[in-house]
């Protein structure tokens, strides 16, 4: 299994529970896919770039 898929296999169950509870958290309907947000976080931590230089392939830096 590729490392990204292995990480997502660990994160996805927690994310699914959080997403199921989102109406009770007082936030609006999610706009960005949480997997893409996690991928953006992993990209920044792996490359060491500044958040403002996050490539446009990911959600906006403020969302990530």
PDB file of N, CA and C in Angstrom:
ATOM      1  N   UNK A   1       0.850  -1.177   0.000  1.00  0.00           N
ATOM      2  CA  UNK A   1       0.000   0.000   0.000  1.00  0.00           C
ATOM      3  C   UNK A   1       0.897   1.243   0.000  1.00  0.00           C
ATOM      4  N   UNK A   2       0.556   2.204  -0.827  1.00  0.00           N
ATOM      5  CA  UNK A   2       1.342   3.437  -0.893  1.00  0.00           C
ATOM      6  C   UNK A   2       1.214   4.189   0.426  1.00  0.00           C
ATOM      7  N   UNK A   3       2.254   4.935   0.822  1.00  0.00           N
ATOM      8  CA  UNK A   3       2.220   5.645   2.105  1.00  0.00           C
ATOM      9  C   UNK A   3       1.034   6.589   2.265  1.00  0.00           C
ATOM     10  N   UNK A   4       0.658   7.290   1.194  1.00  0.00           N
ATOM     11  CA  UNK A   4      -0.464   8.230   1.293  1.00  0.00           C
ATOM     12  C   UNK A   4      -1.759   7.466   1.561  1.00  0.00           C
ATOM     13  N   UNK A   5      -1.953   6.361   0.883  1.00  0.00           N
ATOM     14  CA  UNK A   5      -3.162   5.557   1.121  1.00  0.00           C
ATOM     15  C   UNK A   5      -3.162   4.969   2.520  1.00  0.00           C
ATOM     16  N   UNK A   6      -1.993   4.572   2.997  1.00  0.00           N
ATOM     17  CA  UNK A   6      -1.905   4.011   4.352  1.00  0.00           C
ATOM     18  C   UNK A   6      -2.261   5.071   5.385  1.00  0.00           C
ATOM     19  N   UNK A   7      -1.750   6.294   5.185  1.00  0.00           N
ATOM     20  CA  UNK A   7      -2.090   7.383   6.106  1.00  0.00           C
ATOM     21  C   UNK A   7      -3.578   7.673   6.070  1.00  0.00           C
ATOM     22  N   UNK A   8      -4.131   7.718   4.869  1.00  0.00           N
ATOM     23  CA  UNK A   8      -5.549   8.035   4.743  1.00  0.00           C
ATOM     24  C   UNK A   8      -6.407   6.943   5.373  1.00  0.00           C
ATOM     25  N   UNK A   9      -5.952   5.699   5.301  1.00  0.00           N
ATOM     26  CA  UNK A   9      -6.690   4.599   5.932  1.00  0.00           C
ATOM     27  C   UNK A   9      -6.784   4.811   7.445  1.00  0.00           C
ATOM     28  N   UNK A  10      -5.795   5.462   8.039  1.00  0.00           N
ATOM     29  CA  UNK A  10      -5.834   5.767   9.467  1.00  0.00           C
ATOM     30  C   UNK A  10      -6.692   6.996   9.767  1.00  0.00           C
ATOM     31  N   UNK A  11      -6.658   7.965   8.884  1.00  0.00           N
ATOM     32  CA  UNK A  11      -7.339   9.244   9.116  1.00  0.00           C
ATOM     33  C   UNK A  11      -8.820   9.180   8.755  1.00  0.00           C
ATOM     34  N   UNK A  12      -9.174   8.441   7.730  1.00  0.00           N
ATOM     35  CA  UNK A  12     -10.535   8.447   7.187  1.00  0.00           C
ATOM     36  C   UNK A  12     -11.614   8.085   8.195  1.00  0.00           C
ATOM     37  N   UNK A  13     -11.444   7.057   9.050  1.00  0.00           N
ATOM     38  CA  UNK A  13     -12.517   6.765  10.018  1.00  0.00           C
ATOM     39  C   UNK A  13     -12.782   7.921  10.976  1.00  0.00           C
ATOM     40  N   UNK A  14     -11.736   8.590  11.415  1.00  0.00           N
ATOM     41  CA  UNK A  14     -11.899   9.737  12.314  1.00  0.00           C
ATOM     42  C   UNK A  14     -12.596  10.870  11.566  1.00  0.00           C
ATOM     43  N   UNK A  15     -12.166  11.101  10.327  1.00  0.00           N
ATOM     44  CA  UNK A  15     -12.764  12.149   9.506  1.00  0.00           C
ATOM     45  C   UNK A  15     -14.240  11.861   9.256  1.00  0.00           C
ATOM     46  N   UNK A  16     -14.584  10.609   9.010  1.00  0.00           N
ATOM     47  CA  UNK A  16     -15.981  10.251   8.755  1.00  0.00           C
ATOM     48  C   UNK A  16     -16.850  10.527   9.981  1.00  0.00           C
ATOM     49  N   UNK A  17     -16.340  10.231  11.171  1.00  0.00           N
ATOM     50  CA  UNK A  17     -17.099  10.513  12.396  1.00  0.00           C
ATOM     51  C   UNK A  17     -17.263  12.015  12.592  1.00  0.00           C
ATOM     52  N   UNK A  18     -16.192  12.763  12.341  1.00  0.00           N
ATOM     53  CA  UNK A  18     -16.259  14.206  12.484  1.00  0.00           C
ATOM     54  C   UNK A  18     -17.244  14.803  11.484  1.00  0.00           C
ATOM     55  N   UNK A  19     -17.176  14.340  10.247  1.00  0.00           N
ATOM     56  CA  UNK A  19     -18.057  14.864   9.199  1.00  0.00           C
ATOM     57  C   UNK A  19     -19.511  14.524   9.505  1.00  0.00           C
ATOM     58  N   UNK A  20     -19.769  13.363  10.097  1.00  0.00           N
ATOM     59  CA  UNK A  20     -21.137  12.985  10.454  1.00  0.00           C
ATOM     60  C   UNK A  20     -21.682  13.890  11.562  1.00  0.00           C
ATOM     61  N   UNK A  21     -20.798  14.417  12.388  1.00  0.00           N
ATOM     62  CA  UNK A  21     -21.231  15.267  13.503  1.00  0.00           C
ATOM     63  C   UNK A  21     -21.230  16.747  13.151  1.00  0.00           C
ATOM     64  N   UNK A  22     -20.861  17.116  11.921  1.00  0.00           N
ATOM     65  CA  UNK A  22     -20.681  18.530  11.595  1.00  0.00           C
ATOM     66  C   UNK A  22     -21.914  19.394  11.814  1.00  0.00           C
ATOM     67  N   UNK A  23     -23.161  18.924  11.608  1.00  0.00           N
ATOM     68  CA  UNK A  23     -24.279  19.853  11.867  1.00  0.00           C
ATOM     69  C   UNK A  23     -24.327  20.326  13.324  1.00  0.00           C
ATOM     70  N   UNK A  24     -23.922  19.473  14.244  1.00  0.00           N
ATOM     71  CA  UNK A  24     -23.937  19.840  15.649  1.00  0.00           C
ATOM     72  C   UNK A  24     -22.754  20.701  16.066  1.00  0.00           C
ATOM     73  N   UNK A  25     -21.788  20.865  15.176  1.00  0.00           N
ATOM     74  CA  UNK A  25     -20.609  21.662  15.510  1.00  0.00           C
ATOM     75  C   UNK A  25     -20.802  23.144  15.226  1.00  0.00           C
ATOM     76  N   UNK A  26     -21.905  23.499  14.612  1.00  0.00           N
ATOM     77  CA  UNK A  26     -22.191  24.902  14.343  1.00  0.00           C
ATOM     78  C   UNK A  26     -21.408  25.481  13.181  1.00  0.00           C
ATOM     79  N   UNK A  27     -20.989  24.639  12.244  1.00  0.00           N
ATOM     80  CA  UNK A  27     -20.275  25.127  11.066  1.00  0.00           C
ATOM     81  C   UNK A  27     -21.140  24.923   9.837  1.00  0.00           C
ATOM     82  N   UNK A  28     -20.810  25.634   8.785  1.00  0.00           N
ATOM     83  CA  UNK A  28     -21.589  25.530   7.557  1.00  0.00           C
ATOM     84  C   UNK A  28     -21.236  24.253   6.800  1.00  0.00           C
ATOM     85  N   UNK A  29     -21.979  24.005   5.747  1.00  0.00           N
ATOM     86  CA  UNK A  29     -21.745  22.834   4.889  1.00  0.00           C
ATOM     87  C   UNK A  29     -20.298  22.840   4.393  1.00  0.00           C
ATOM     88  N   UNK A  30     -19.595  21.702   4.479  1.00  0.00           N
ATOM     89  CA  UNK A  30     -18.209  21.647   4.009  1.00  0.00           C
ATOM     90  C   UNK A  30     -18.095  21.999   2.530  1.00  0.00           C
ATOM     91  N   UNK A  31     -17.071  22.774   2.186  1.00  0.00           N
ATOM     92  CA  UNK A  31     -16.846  23.208   0.817  1.00  0.00           C
ATOM     93  C   UNK A  31     -15.772  22.358   0.150  1.00  0.00           C
ATOM     94  N   UNK A  32     -14.747  21.995   0.915  1.00  0.00           N
ATOM     95  CA  UNK A  32     -13.611  21.263   0.364  1.00  0.00           C
ATOM     96  C   UNK A  32     -13.587  19.841   0.904  1.00  0.00           C
ATOM     97  N   UNK A  33     -13.123  18.923   0.084  1.00  0.00           N
ATOM     98  CA  UNK A  33     -12.983  17.531   0.477  1.00  0.00           C
ATOM     99  C   UNK A  33     -11.887  17.430   1.537  1.00  0.00           C
ATOM    100  N   UNK A  34     -12.181  16.775   2.648  1.00  0.00           N
ATOM    101  CA  UNK A  34     -11.206  16.691   3.720  1.00  0.00           C
ATOM    102  C   UNK A  34      -9.963  15.904   3.322  1.00  0.00           C
ATOM    103  N   UNK A  35     -10.103  14.981   2.390  1.00  0.00           N
ATOM    104  CA  UNK A  35      -8.915  14.255   1.941  1.00  0.00           C
ATOM    105  C   UNK A  35      -7.947  15.207   1.243  1.00  0.00           C
ATOM    106  N   UNK A  36      -8.465  16.145   0.471  1.00  0.00           N
ATOM    107  CA  UNK A  36      -7.609  17.127  -0.199  1.00  0.00           C
ATOM    108  C   UNK A  36      -6.963  18.075   0.822  1.00  0.00           C
ATOM    109  N   UNK A  37      -7.692  18.396   1.872  1.00  0.00           N
ATOM    110  CA  UNK A  37      -7.126  19.239   2.922  1.00  0.00           C
ATOM    111  C   UNK A  37      -5.984  18.508   3.623  1.00  0.00           C
ATOM    112  N   UNK A  38      -6.206  17.243   3.948  1.00  0.00           N
ATOM    113  CA  UNK A  38      -5.144  16.443   4.576  1.00  0.00           C
ATOM    114  C   UNK A  38      -3.955  16.324   3.638  1.00  0.00           C
ATOM    115  N   UNK A  39      -4.205  16.106   2.354  1.00  0.00           N
ATOM    116  CA  UNK A  39      -3.113  16.033   1.382  1.00  0.00           C
ATOM    117  C   UNK A  39      -2.330  17.346   1.347  1.00  0.00           C
ATOM    118  N   UNK A  40      -3.011  18.474   1.452  1.00  0.00           N
ATOM    119  CA  UNK A  40      -2.331  19.766   1.481  1.00  0.00           C
ATOM    120  C   UNK A  40      -1.463  19.913   2.719  1.00  0.00           C
ATOM    121  N   UNK A  41      -1.976  19.488   3.869  1.00  0.00           N
ATOM    122  CA  UNK A  41      -1.189  19.546   5.103  1.00  0.00           C
ATOM    123  C   UNK A  41       0.052  18.673   4.983  1.00  0.00           C
ATOM    124  N   UNK A  42      -0.124  17.466   4.470  1.00  0.00           N
ATOM    125  CA  UNK A  42       1.014  16.561   4.306  1.00  0.00           C
ATOM    126  C   UNK A  42       2.029  17.121   3.322  1.00  0.00           C
ATOM    127  N   UNK A  43       1.554  17.787   2.274  1.00  0.00           N
ATOM    128  CA  UNK A  43       2.462  18.385   1.286  1.00  0.00           C
ATOM    129  C   UNK A  43       3.318  19.481   1.920  1.00  0.00           C
ATOM    130  N   UNK A  44       2.690  20.344   2.697  1.00  0.00           N
ATOM    131  CA  UNK A  44       3.425  21.438   3.333  1.00  0.00           C
ATOM    132  C   UNK A  44       4.435  20.891   4.337  1.00  0.00           C
ATOM    133  N   UNK A  45       4.040  19.896   5.122  1.00  0.00           N
ATOM    134  CA  UNK A  45       4.971  19.351   6.111  1.00  0.00           C
ATOM    135  C   UNK A  45       6.104  18.582   5.445  1.00  0.00           C
ATOM    136  N   UNK A  46       5.822  17.941   4.312  1.00  0.00           N
ATOM    137  CA  UNK A  46       6.860  17.180   3.618  1.00  0.00           C
ATOM    138  C   UNK A  46       7.856  18.091   2.903  1.00  0.00           C
ATOM    139  N   UNK A  47       7.372  19.155   2.261  1.00  0.00           N
ATOM    140  CA  UNK A  47       8.244  20.009   1.463  1.00  0.00           C
ATOM    141  C   UNK A  47       8.822  21.175   2.245  1.00  0.00           C
ATOM    142  N   UNK A  48       8.150  21.592   3.312  1.00  0.00           N
ATOM    143  CA  UNK A  48       8.637  22.710   4.102  1.00  0.00           C
ATOM    144  C   UNK A  48       8.348  24.076   3.495  1.00  0.00           C
ATOM    145  N   UNK A  49       7.466  24.137   2.502  1.00  0.00           N
ATOM    146  CA  UNK A  49       7.141  25.418   1.881  1.00  0.00           C
ATOM    147  C   UNK A  49       6.252  26.243   2.810  1.00  0.00           C
ATOM    148  N   UNK A  50       6.172  27.530   2.531  1.00  0.00           N
ATOM    149  CA  UNK A  50       5.267  28.399   3.278  1.00  0.00           C
ATOM    150  C   UNK A  50       3.827  28.112   2.836  1.00  0.00           C
ATOM    151  N   UNK A  51       2.886  28.281   3.738  1.00  0.00           N
ATOM    152  CA  UNK A  51       1.484  28.006   3.427  1.00  0.00           C
ATOM    153  C   UNK A  51       1.008  28.818   2.226  1.00  0.00           C
ATOM    154  N   UNK A  52       1.476  30.048   2.114  1.00  0.00           N
ATOM    155  CA  UNK A  52       1.032  30.909   1.018  1.00  0.00           C
ATOM    156  C   UNK A  52       1.466  30.395  -0.350  1.00  0.00           C
ATOM    157  N   UNK A  53       2.464  29.514  -0.397  1.00  0.00           N
ATOM    158  CA  UNK A  53       2.962  28.981  -1.662  1.00  0.00           C
ATOM    159  C   UNK A  53       2.389  27.600  -1.983  1.00  0.00           C
ATOM    160  N   UNK A  54       1.343  27.213  -1.286  1.00  0.00           N
ATOM    161  CA  UNK A  54       0.698  25.934  -1.554  1.00  0.00           C
ATOM    162  C   UNK A  54       0.192  25.925  -2.996  1.00  0.00           C
ATOM    163  N   UNK A  55       0.532  24.900  -3.785  1.00  0.00           N
ATOM    164  CA  UNK A  55       0.102  24.868  -5.187  1.00  0.00           C
ATOM    165  C   UNK A  55      -1.424  24.919  -5.314  1.00  0.00           C
ATOM    166  N   UNK A  56      -1.880  25.387  -6.443  1.00  0.00           N
ATOM    167  CA  UNK A  56      -3.316  25.544  -6.690  1.00  0.00           C
ATOM    168  C   UNK A  56      -4.033  24.210  -6.886  1.00  0.00           C
ATOM    169  N   UNK A  57      -3.296  23.110  -6.886  1.00  0.00           N
ATOM    170  CA  UNK A  57      -3.918  21.786  -6.979  1.00  0.00           C
ATOM    171  C   UNK A  57      -4.654  21.429  -5.685  1.00  0.00           C
ATOM    172  N   UNK A  58      -4.314  22.128  -4.615  1.00  0.00           N
ATOM    173  CA  UNK A  58      -4.916  21.880  -3.301  1.00  0.00           C
ATOM    174  C   UNK A  58      -5.959  22.954  -3.015  1.00  0.00           C
ATOM    175  N   UNK A  59      -6.792  22.741  -1.983  1.00  0.00           N
ATOM    176  CA  UNK A  59      -7.708  23.806  -1.575  1.00  0.00           C
ATOM    177  C   UNK A  59      -6.911  25.042  -1.151  1.00  0.00           C
ATOM    178  N   UNK A  60      -7.569  26.190  -1.006  1.00  0.00           N
ATOM    179  CA  UNK A  60      -6.856  27.402  -0.582  1.00  0.00           C
ATOM    180  C   UNK A  60      -6.110  27.184   0.731  1.00  0.00           C
ATOM    181  N   UNK A  61      -4.991  27.875   0.887  1.00  0.00           N
ATOM    182  CA  UNK A  61      -4.151  27.713   2.079  1.00  0.00           C
ATOM    183  C   UNK A  61      -4.927  27.981   3.370  1.00  0.00           C
ATOM    184  N   UNK A  62      -5.842  28.942   3.339  1.00  0.00           N
ATOM    185  CA  UNK A  62      -6.625  29.244   4.552  1.00  0.00           C
ATOM    186  C   UNK A  62      -7.572  28.110   4.910  1.00  0.00           C
ATOM    187  N   UNK A  63      -7.977  27.313   3.934  1.00  0.00           N
ATOM    188  CA  UNK A  63      -8.826  26.158   4.215  1.00  0.00           C
ATOM    189  C   UNK A  63      -8.008  24.981   4.720  1.00  0.00           C
ATOM    190  N   UNK A  64      -6.764  24.908   4.241  1.00  0.00           N
ATOM    191  CA  UNK A  64      -5.884  23.809   4.636  1.00  0.00           C
ATOM    192  C   UNK A  64      -5.309  24.124   5.999  1.00  0.00           C
TER     193      UNK A  64
END
